[in-house]
């Protein structure tokens, strides 16, 4: 493999070409195909679901994996992997517990009390990818925060639930597991079929088919966010080139569309990292394709310029090499600080969620958390004296807006 290409930050055209590759582009023909699958499942239920499952997943009904089958398959998982699943689950739960919003009571004025009540969602759907690499870690990352939030019914779907995925399902407290995937699985979760219950929210990463289906059903069923190709940005002015290269390569092995970018204000370090990437990636087909299309080392003039560019990208994963950079205002799905904070650690074991916003969505939200599985609502209690205290404010604003019936509903109570 040739060394990682190096771009000077002053080359704006090259920067725009690199960053433009991550934009979510509309493909109308592709979207129409996804919409047709979703609409067919919504209309025909299990009959359409079975047809698409045979075509895309190569499985026959019944699709549900029984508890006995999960237990039998999980027993074949190597002991060290089962211990790793259990440890990761504990860490995810520990972090998730601190993420839940709290119920509270506020006395606004005498006679007016507003409670904040936190209620778990009733049923959620967790999508678990089953492509080249079935991902038990993604099941843990989606189902455990839901369990911590108090969700009673956790439904997981995976087109290829290997034994490790089944072991993770048992560990995470999944209620039901189905052997389906793709856009048809998203449709079944969003609208329900005879065999698969409708959920209140769908979470979890997946292919572009899954992402497009989630976007399409979002008006009828809540989703976490639109997830594009995975991405990492590393900002460093020093460090071991071999470690930096290893992190770029780790991200690139996910997908040929994955984006791996190194930003530095030290040209010599960029050169060393580029050579190290070429050495470590040699012969890894998907990694080479990913880095050739979507990888680069960008050389800025200063650390400030490097952080500004990283914030503009708003990456899924941001790695900074020193604490002073971490204290700045940063825009990313998750931030990793220091040479030992390898991004792969967050994928599995730190307890921080690895279901993260991509394609710039970190500008307006963070990663999946236990807070995504609850509803926060207000419960308001008002006495007559309290309403009298609020009446001048309510009546004045209502009449200013021309909503006289609003004002009348207050004055009628107090007259």
Protein backbone atom coordinates (compact mmCIF):
# COMPACT_ATOMS: atom_id res chain seq x y z
CA UNK A 1 0.00 0.00 0.00
CA UNK A 2 1.19 3.51 -0.73
CA UNK A 3 1.59 5.78 2.31
CA UNK A 4 -1.44 7.65 3.65
CA UNK A 5 -1.91 10.80 1.59
CA UNK A 6 -0.87 14.02 3.29
CA UNK A 7 -2.89 17.19 2.72
CA UNK A 8 -1.83 20.67 3.70
CA UNK A 9 -4.69 22.45 5.47
CA UNK A 10 -4.19 25.42 3.15
CA UNK A 11 -5.28 23.23 0.21
CA UNK A 12 -8.94 24.02 0.62
CA UNK A 13 -10.05 22.17 -2.50
CA UNK A 14 -8.46 18.93 -1.26
CA UNK A 15 -10.00 19.39 2.19
CA UNK A 16 -13.43 19.96 0.68
CA UNK A 17 -13.13 16.85 -1.47
CA UNK A 18 -12.16 14.78 1.57
CA UNK A 19 -14.90 16.11 3.84
CA UNK A 20 -17.50 16.03 1.09
CA UNK A 21 -17.22 12.25 0.88
CA UNK A 22 -18.89 11.96 4.27
CA UNK A 23 -21.99 13.91 3.29
CA UNK A 24 -25.23 11.94 3.24
CA UNK A 25 -26.25 12.10 -0.38
CA UNK A 26 -29.76 11.36 -1.55
CA UNK A 27 -30.07 8.44 -3.95
CA UNK A 28 -33.67 8.52 -5.08
CA UNK A 29 -33.65 5.11 -6.76
CA UNK A 30 -32.11 3.52 -3.67
CA UNK A 31 -34.56 5.28 -1.36
CA UNK A 32 -37.52 4.20 -3.47
CA UNK A 33 -36.40 0.58 -3.18
CA UNK A 34 -36.12 0.83 0.60
CA UNK A 35 -39.48 2.57 0.87
CA UNK A 36 -41.09 -0.18 -1.20
CA UNK A 37 -39.78 -2.86 1.19
CA UNK A 38 -40.98 -0.96 4.25
CA UNK A 39 -44.40 -0.23 2.76
CA UNK A 40 -44.88 -3.86 1.76
CA UNK A 41 -44.11 -5.12 5.27
CA UNK A 42 -46.37 -2.46 6.75
CA UNK A 43 -49.20 -3.59 4.48
CA UNK A 44 -48.74 -7.37 4.34
CA UNK A 45 -47.10 -8.08 7.67
CA UNK A 46 -45.62 -11.54 8.19
CA UNK A 47 -46.23 -12.61 4.61
CA UNK A 48 -44.00 -9.83 3.25
CA UNK A 49 -41.54 -10.25 6.10
CA UNK A 50 -41.09 -13.93 5.22
CA UNK A 51 -40.60 -13.15 1.56
CA UNK A 52 -37.89 -10.57 2.21
CA UNK A 53 -36.23 -12.72 4.88
CA UNK A 54 -35.90 -15.58 2.40
CA UNK A 55 -34.53 -13.23 -0.23
CA UNK A 56 -32.10 -11.18 1.83
CA UNK A 57 -31.36 -13.18 4.99
CA UNK A 58 -31.80 -16.69 3.54
CA UNK A 59 -33.83 -17.79 6.55
CA UNK A 60 -37.26 -19.36 6.88
CA UNK A 61 -39.90 -18.72 9.52
CA UNK A 62 -40.32 -19.01 12.40
CA UNK A 63 -37.86 -16.18 12.95
CA UNK A 64 -37.92 -15.97 16.72
CA UNK A 65 -35.02 -17.52 18.59
CA UNK A 66 -36.34 -19.32 21.64
CA UNK A 67 -34.86 -18.87 25.08
CA UNK A 68 -33.82 -22.53 25.07
CA UNK A 69 -31.97 -22.08 21.77
CA UNK A 70 -30.22 -18.97 23.07
CA UNK A 71 -29.08 -20.83 26.16
CA UNK A 72 -27.94 -23.85 24.16
CA UNK A 73 -25.96 -21.76 21.68
CA UNK A 74 -24.48 -19.51 24.37
CA UNK A 75 -23.09 -22.58 26.10
CA UNK A 76 -20.79 -23.08 23.09
CA UNK A 77 -19.19 -19.65 23.50
CA UNK A 78 -15.62 -19.79 24.77
CA UNK A 79 -15.34 -19.03 28.50
CA UNK A 80 -13.05 -16.04 27.96
CA UNK A 81 -15.57 -14.49 25.55
CA UNK A 82 -18.44 -15.05 28.00
CA UNK A 83 -16.39 -13.43 30.76
CA UNK A 84 -15.65 -10.49 28.43
CA UNK A 85 -19.35 -10.11 27.62
CA UNK A 86 -20.21 -10.09 31.34
CA UNK A 87 -17.49 -7.55 32.16
CA UNK A 88 -18.48 -5.24 29.31
CA UNK A 89 -22.12 -5.50 30.41
CA UNK A 90 -21.23 -4.43 33.95
CA UNK A 91 -19.29 -1.42 32.72
CA UNK A 92 -22.03 -0.32 30.31
CA UNK A 93 -24.65 -0.58 33.05
CA UNK A 94 -22.48 1.36 35.50
CA UNK A 95 -22.17 4.29 33.10
CA UNK A 96 -25.81 4.08 31.99
CA UNK A 97 -27.13 4.44 35.55
CA UNK A 98 -25.53 7.87 35.81
CA UNK A 99 -27.11 8.99 32.52
CA UNK A 100 -30.74 8.79 33.59
CA UNK A 101 -32.55 12.08 34.20
CA UNK A 102 -33.94 12.46 37.71
CA UNK A 103 -37.49 12.97 38.83
CA UNK A 104 -37.87 16.32 40.59
CA UNK A 105 -40.38 18.76 42.10
CA UNK A 106 -40.29 22.53 41.68
CA UNK A 107 -42.46 25.02 43.57
CA UNK A 108 -42.69 27.81 41.02
CA UNK A 109 -44.73 30.20 43.20
CA UNK A 110 -46.94 29.44 46.21
CA UNK A 111 -49.76 27.19 44.98
CA UNK A 112 -48.00 26.09 41.79
CA UNK A 113 -45.98 22.87 41.75
CA UNK A 114 -44.39 21.29 38.66
CA UNK A 115 -43.07 17.75 38.91
CA UNK A 116 -40.66 16.21 36.43
CA UNK A 117 -41.67 12.58 36.03
CA UNK A 118 -39.34 10.12 34.27
CA UNK A 119 -41.02 7.07 32.75
CA UNK A 120 -39.34 4.29 30.73
CA UNK A 121 -40.50 3.50 27.23
CA UNK A 122 -42.71 0.42 27.06
CA UNK A 123 -40.97 -1.50 24.27
CA UNK A 124 -37.82 -0.84 22.23
CA UNK A 125 -36.18 -2.54 19.27
CA UNK A 126 -32.42 -3.09 19.11
CA UNK A 127 -30.89 -3.66 15.68
CA UNK A 128 -27.74 -5.78 15.78
CA UNK A 129 -25.66 -5.89 12.58
CA UNK A 130 -24.91 -9.36 11.22
CA UNK A 131 -22.74 -8.70 8.19
CA UNK A 132 -19.09 -9.64 7.88
CA UNK A 133 -18.68 -9.29 11.63
CA UNK A 134 -21.66 -10.11 13.88
CA UNK A 135 -21.42 -7.66 16.75
CA UNK A 136 -22.38 -8.85 20.24
CA UNK A 137 -20.94 -5.59 21.55
CA UNK A 138 -23.61 -3.63 19.68
CA UNK A 139 -26.31 -5.70 21.34
CA UNK A 140 -24.85 -4.90 24.75
CA UNK A 141 -24.58 -1.20 23.91
CA UNK A 142 -28.24 -0.93 22.89
CA UNK A 143 -30.05 -3.35 25.18
CA UNK A 144 -28.29 -2.67 28.49
CA UNK A 145 -29.08 1.08 28.65
CA UNK A 146 -32.69 0.17 27.86
CA UNK A 147 -32.73 -2.35 30.68
CA UNK A 148 -31.16 0.16 33.09
CA UNK A 149 -33.82 2.71 32.08
CA UNK A 150 -36.52 0.24 33.06
CA UNK A 151 -37.82 -0.74 29.63
CA UNK A 152 -39.98 -3.83 30.16
CA UNK A 153 -39.82 -5.32 26.66
CA UNK A 154 -36.51 -5.31 24.74
CA UNK A 155 -36.78 -6.81 21.24
CA UNK A 156 -33.56 -7.53 19.33
CA UNK A 157 -33.23 -8.36 15.65
CA UNK A 158 -30.11 -9.73 13.96
CA UNK A 159 -29.86 -11.38 10.55
CA UNK A 160 -27.13 -13.73 11.77
CA UNK A 161 -27.23 -14.17 15.56
CA UNK A 162 -24.12 -16.25 16.15
CA UNK A 163 -23.64 -17.88 19.58
CA UNK A 164 -21.76 -14.85 20.95
CA UNK A 165 -24.71 -12.61 20.02
CA UNK A 166 -27.06 -15.01 21.81
CA UNK A 167 -24.84 -14.98 24.88
CA UNK A 168 -24.90 -11.18 24.82
CA UNK A 169 -28.70 -11.21 24.48
CA UNK A 170 -29.02 -13.31 27.61
CA UNK A 171 -26.55 -11.13 29.50
CA UNK A 172 -28.26 -7.91 28.43
CA UNK A 173 -31.76 -9.02 29.38
CA UNK A 174 -33.24 -9.11 25.88
CA UNK A 175 -36.88 -10.18 26.03
CA UNK A 176 -37.19 -11.55 22.48
CA UNK A 177 -34.66 -12.17 19.70
CA UNK A 178 -35.52 -12.50 16.00
CA UNK A 179 -33.36 -13.87 13.21
CA UNK A 180 -34.02 -11.12 10.62
CA UNK A 181 -32.27 -7.98 9.44
CA UNK A 182 -32.27 -5.23 6.85
CA UNK A 183 -35.01 -2.78 5.93
CA UNK A 184 -37.72 -5.40 6.41
CA UNK A 185 -36.69 -5.90 10.04
CA UNK A 186 -36.87 -2.15 10.64
CA UNK A 187 -40.34 -2.08 9.08
CA UNK A 188 -41.52 -4.95 11.28
CA UNK A 189 -40.26 -3.21 14.41
CA UNK A 190 -41.80 0.12 13.42
CA UNK A 191 -45.25 -1.16 12.46
CA UNK A 192 -45.50 -4.61 13.97
CA UNK A 193 -46.60 -7.90 12.44
CA UNK A 194 -48.42 -10.89 13.87
CA UNK A 195 -45.13 -12.46 14.95
CA UNK A 196 -43.10 -9.36 15.76
CA UNK A 197 -44.40 -6.66 18.14
CA UNK A 198 -44.42 -2.97 17.32
CA UNK A 199 -41.89 -0.96 19.33
CA UNK A 200 -41.79 2.61 20.56
CA UNK A 201 -38.21 3.26 19.46
CA UNK A 202 -35.58 1.62 17.24
CA UNK A 203 -31.89 1.94 18.09
CA UNK A 204 -28.64 0.50 16.86
CA UNK A 205 -26.23 0.71 13.92
CA UNK A 206 -26.64 -1.03 10.59
CA UNK A 207 -25.98 -0.93 6.86
CA UNK A 208 -27.11 1.86 4.55
CA UNK A 209 -30.28 -0.20 3.98
CA UNK A 210 -31.00 -0.14 7.70
CA UNK A 211 -30.14 3.56 8.02
CA UNK A 212 -32.43 4.49 5.11
CA UNK A 213 -35.27 2.40 6.52
CA UNK A 214 -34.87 4.00 9.96
CA UNK A 215 -35.01 7.46 8.38
CA UNK A 216 -38.17 6.49 6.48
CA UNK A 217 -40.08 5.17 9.50
CA UNK A 218 -38.95 7.99 11.81
CA UNK A 219 -42.25 9.83 11.40
CA UNK A 220 -44.10 6.86 12.89
CA UNK A 221 -41.55 5.33 15.26
CA UNK A 222 -38.79 7.07 17.17
CA UNK A 223 -35.19 6.25 16.21
CA UNK A 224 -31.87 7.09 17.78
CA UNK A 225 -30.32 8.84 14.75
CA UNK A 226 -29.34 8.36 11.13
CA UNK A 227 -26.06 6.46 11.15
CA UNK A 228 -23.68 6.77 8.22
CA UNK A 229 -20.24 5.18 7.78
CA UNK A 230 -18.08 5.06 10.89
CA UNK A 231 -15.32 7.65 11.35
CA UNK A 232 -12.37 8.68 13.50
CA UNK A 233 -10.37 11.91 13.73
CA UNK A 234 -7.08 11.91 15.64
CA UNK A 235 -5.56 15.25 16.64
CA UNK A 236 -1.96 15.07 17.87
CA UNK A 237 1.24 17.02 17.78
CA UNK A 238 3.32 14.19 19.21
CA UNK A 239 3.04 10.52 20.03
CA UNK A 240 4.00 7.11 18.72
CA UNK A 241 3.36 6.89 14.97
CA UNK A 242 2.71 3.15 15.21
CA UNK A 243 -0.09 3.68 17.74
CA UNK A 244 -1.70 6.48 15.76
CA UNK A 245 -1.53 4.35 12.60
CA UNK A 246 -3.03 1.39 14.43
CA UNK A 247 -6.05 3.46 15.49
CA UNK A 248 -6.61 4.72 11.95
CA UNK A 249 -6.43 1.17 10.62
CA UNK A 250 -8.75 -0.17 13.32
CA UNK A 251 -11.44 2.22 12.19
CA UNK A 252 -10.83 1.54 8.50
CA UNK A 253 -11.37 -2.22 8.89
CA UNK A 254 -15.08 -1.68 9.57
CA UNK A 255 -16.06 -0.67 6.07
CA UNK A 256 -14.57 0.58 2.78
CA UNK A 257 -16.62 3.75 3.37
CA UNK A 258 -15.18 4.32 6.86
CA UNK A 259 -13.29 7.57 7.31
CA UNK A 260 -9.94 7.78 9.15
CA UNK A 261 -8.30 11.20 9.45
CA UNK A 262 -5.17 12.29 11.29
CA UNK A 263 -4.73 16.04 11.95
CA UNK A 264 -1.40 17.39 13.15
CA UNK A 265 0.61 20.59 13.14
CA UNK A 266 3.87 18.59 12.92
CA UNK A 267 4.75 17.65 9.35
CA UNK A 268 7.42 15.16 10.40
CA UNK A 269 4.86 13.27 12.49
CA UNK A 270 2.44 13.19 9.54
CA UNK A 271 5.17 11.65 7.39
CA UNK A 272 5.99 8.98 9.97
CA UNK A 273 2.33 8.10 10.53
CA UNK A 274 1.73 7.86 6.79
CA UNK A 275 4.61 5.41 6.38
CA UNK A 276 3.47 3.41 9.40
CA UNK A 277 -0.05 3.14 7.98
CA UNK A 278 1.34 1.81 4.72
CA UNK A 279 3.34 -0.81 6.57
CA UNK A 280 0.54 -1.97 8.90
CA UNK A 281 -2.25 -1.90 6.30
CA UNK A 282 -0.39 -3.74 3.57
CA UNK A 283 -2.42 -6.70 2.33
CA UNK A 284 -5.63 -5.82 4.20
CA UNK A 285 -8.01 -5.27 1.32
CA UNK A 286 -10.86 -3.42 3.06
CA UNK A 287 -8.46 -1.29 5.09
CA UNK A 288 -6.52 -0.30 2.00
CA UNK A 289 -9.69 0.59 0.10
CA UNK A 290 -11.03 2.61 3.01
CA UNK A 291 -7.82 4.58 3.58
CA UNK A 292 -7.27 5.19 -0.13
CA UNK A 293 -10.75 6.69 -0.51
CA UNK A 294 -11.49 8.27 2.84
CA UNK A 295 -8.23 8.48 4.79
CA UNK A 296 -5.72 11.31 5.06
CA UNK A 297 -3.21 13.09 7.25
CA UNK A 298 -3.89 16.84 7.35
CA UNK A 299 -1.12 19.23 8.35
CA UNK A 300 -2.27 22.48 9.96
CA UNK A 301 -0.20 25.44 11.09
CA UNK A 302 -1.23 25.32 14.76
CA UNK A 303 -3.03 23.19 17.34
CA UNK A 304 -5.86 25.75 17.34
CA UNK A 305 -6.33 25.24 13.61
CA UNK A 306 -6.30 21.47 14.09
CA UNK A 307 -9.05 21.60 16.72
CA UNK A 308 -11.12 24.00 14.63
CA UNK A 309 -10.96 21.60 11.69
CA UNK A 310 -11.83 18.62 13.89
CA UNK A 311 -14.84 20.50 15.25
CA UNK A 312 -15.94 21.32 11.74
CA UNK A 313 -15.91 17.60 10.91
CA UNK A 314 -17.80 16.80 14.16
CA UNK A 315 -16.63 13.19 14.00
CA UNK A 316 -18.09 10.10 15.56
CA UNK A 317 -14.81 9.46 17.43
CA UNK A 318 -12.29 12.18 18.29
CA UNK A 319 -8.90 11.31 19.79
CA UNK A 320 -6.69 14.06 21.24
CA UNK A 321 -3.19 13.42 22.45
CA UNK A 322 -3.15 15.68 25.52
CA UNK A 323 -5.35 16.96 28.32
CA UNK A 324 -4.97 20.62 27.29
CA UNK A 325 -6.78 19.85 24.02
CA UNK A 326 -9.53 17.93 25.83
CA UNK A 327 -10.33 21.02 27.93
CA UNK A 328 -11.26 23.01 24.83
CA UNK A 329 -14.74 23.18 23.35
CA UNK A 330 -15.00 19.98 21.30
CA UNK A 331 -17.64 18.65 18.93
CA UNK A 332 -17.71 14.86 18.61
CA UNK A 333 -19.77 11.80 19.44
CA UNK A 334 -17.12 10.59 21.90
CA UNK A 335 -13.71 11.94 22.88
CA UNK A 336 -10.64 9.88 23.83
CA UNK A 337 -7.80 11.59 25.66
CA UNK A 338 -4.15 10.55 25.78
CA UNK A 339 -1.98 7.89 24.18
CA UNK A 340 -3.56 4.95 26.02
CA UNK A 341 -7.16 5.99 25.31
CA UNK A 342 -7.46 3.79 22.24
CA UNK A 343 -10.77 4.22 20.49
CA UNK A 344 -11.21 0.44 20.38
CA UNK A 345 -11.40 0.48 24.19
CA UNK A 346 -14.60 2.50 23.90
CA UNK A 347 -16.00 -0.01 21.44
CA UNK A 348 -15.93 -2.76 24.04
CA UNK A 349 -14.98 -2.11 27.61
CA UNK A 350 -15.00 1.44 28.99
CA UNK A 351 -18.78 1.43 29.46
CA UNK A 352 -19.27 4.50 27.29
CA UNK A 353 -21.70 3.76 24.48
CA UNK A 354 -20.30 3.03 21.02
CA UNK A 355 -23.58 3.80 19.21
CA UNK A 356 -22.60 7.32 18.15
CA UNK A 357 -23.68 10.03 15.70
CA UNK A 358 -21.86 10.14 12.37
CA UNK A 359 -21.72 12.38 9.30
CA UNK A 360 -21.59 15.58 11.37
CA UNK A 361 -24.61 14.76 13.55
CA UNK A 362 -22.42 15.23 16.63
CA UNK A 363 -23.04 18.95 16.11
CA UNK A 364 -26.44 18.51 17.78
CA UNK A 365 -26.45 15.27 19.79
CA UNK A 366 -24.24 12.80 21.59
CA UNK A 367 -24.18 9.03 21.64
CA UNK A 368 -26.86 6.61 22.72
CA UNK A 369 -27.51 6.65 26.47
CA UNK A 370 -30.00 5.44 29.02
CA UNK A 371 -31.74 8.81 28.66
CA UNK A 372 -32.78 7.76 25.15
CA UNK A 373 -35.08 5.11 26.66
CA UNK A 374 -37.21 7.29 28.93
CA UNK A 375 -39.91 9.92 28.54
CA UNK A 376 -39.63 13.05 30.64
CA UNK A 377 -42.98 14.71 31.28
CA UNK A 378 -44.26 17.45 33.55
CA UNK A 379 -47.06 16.98 36.07
CA UNK A 380 -48.53 20.34 37.12
CA UNK A 381 -50.60 21.06 40.25
CA UNK A 382 -52.21 24.47 40.70
CA UNK A 383 -54.37 25.71 43.54
CA UNK A 384 -56.85 28.59 43.23
CA UNK A 385 -54.41 30.91 44.98
CA UNK A 386 -51.65 29.75 42.67
CA UNK A 387 -53.76 30.37 39.58
CA UNK A 388 -54.61 33.85 40.86
CA UNK A 389 -50.90 34.62 41.13
CA UNK A 390 -50.31 33.44 37.55
CA UNK A 391 -53.44 35.02 36.04
CA UNK A 392 -51.98 38.43 35.11
CA UNK A 393 -49.15 36.75 33.20
CA UNK A 394 -51.42 34.21 31.48
CA UNK A 395 -54.19 36.64 30.52
CA UNK A 396 -51.84 39.31 29.23
CA UNK A 397 -49.90 36.90 27.02
CA UNK A 398 -53.03 35.13 25.78
CA UNK A 399 -54.74 38.36 24.74
CA UNK A 400 -51.50 39.62 23.14
CA UNK A 401 -51.55 36.49 20.97
CA UNK A 402 -55.21 36.93 20.12
CA UNK A 403 -56.21 33.75 21.95
CA UNK A 404 -59.07 35.19 23.93
CA UNK A 405 -60.57 31.79 24.81
CA UNK A 406 -57.34 30.98 26.64
CA UNK A 407 -57.74 34.12 28.72
CA UNK A 408 -61.42 33.38 29.32
CA UNK A 409 -60.60 29.90 30.66
CA UNK A 410 -58.50 31.52 33.37
CA UNK A 411 -60.73 34.45 34.23
CA UNK A 412 -63.81 32.21 34.41
CA UNK A 413 -62.21 30.17 37.16
CA UNK A 414 -61.37 33.24 39.24
CA UNK A 415 -64.51 35.37 38.76
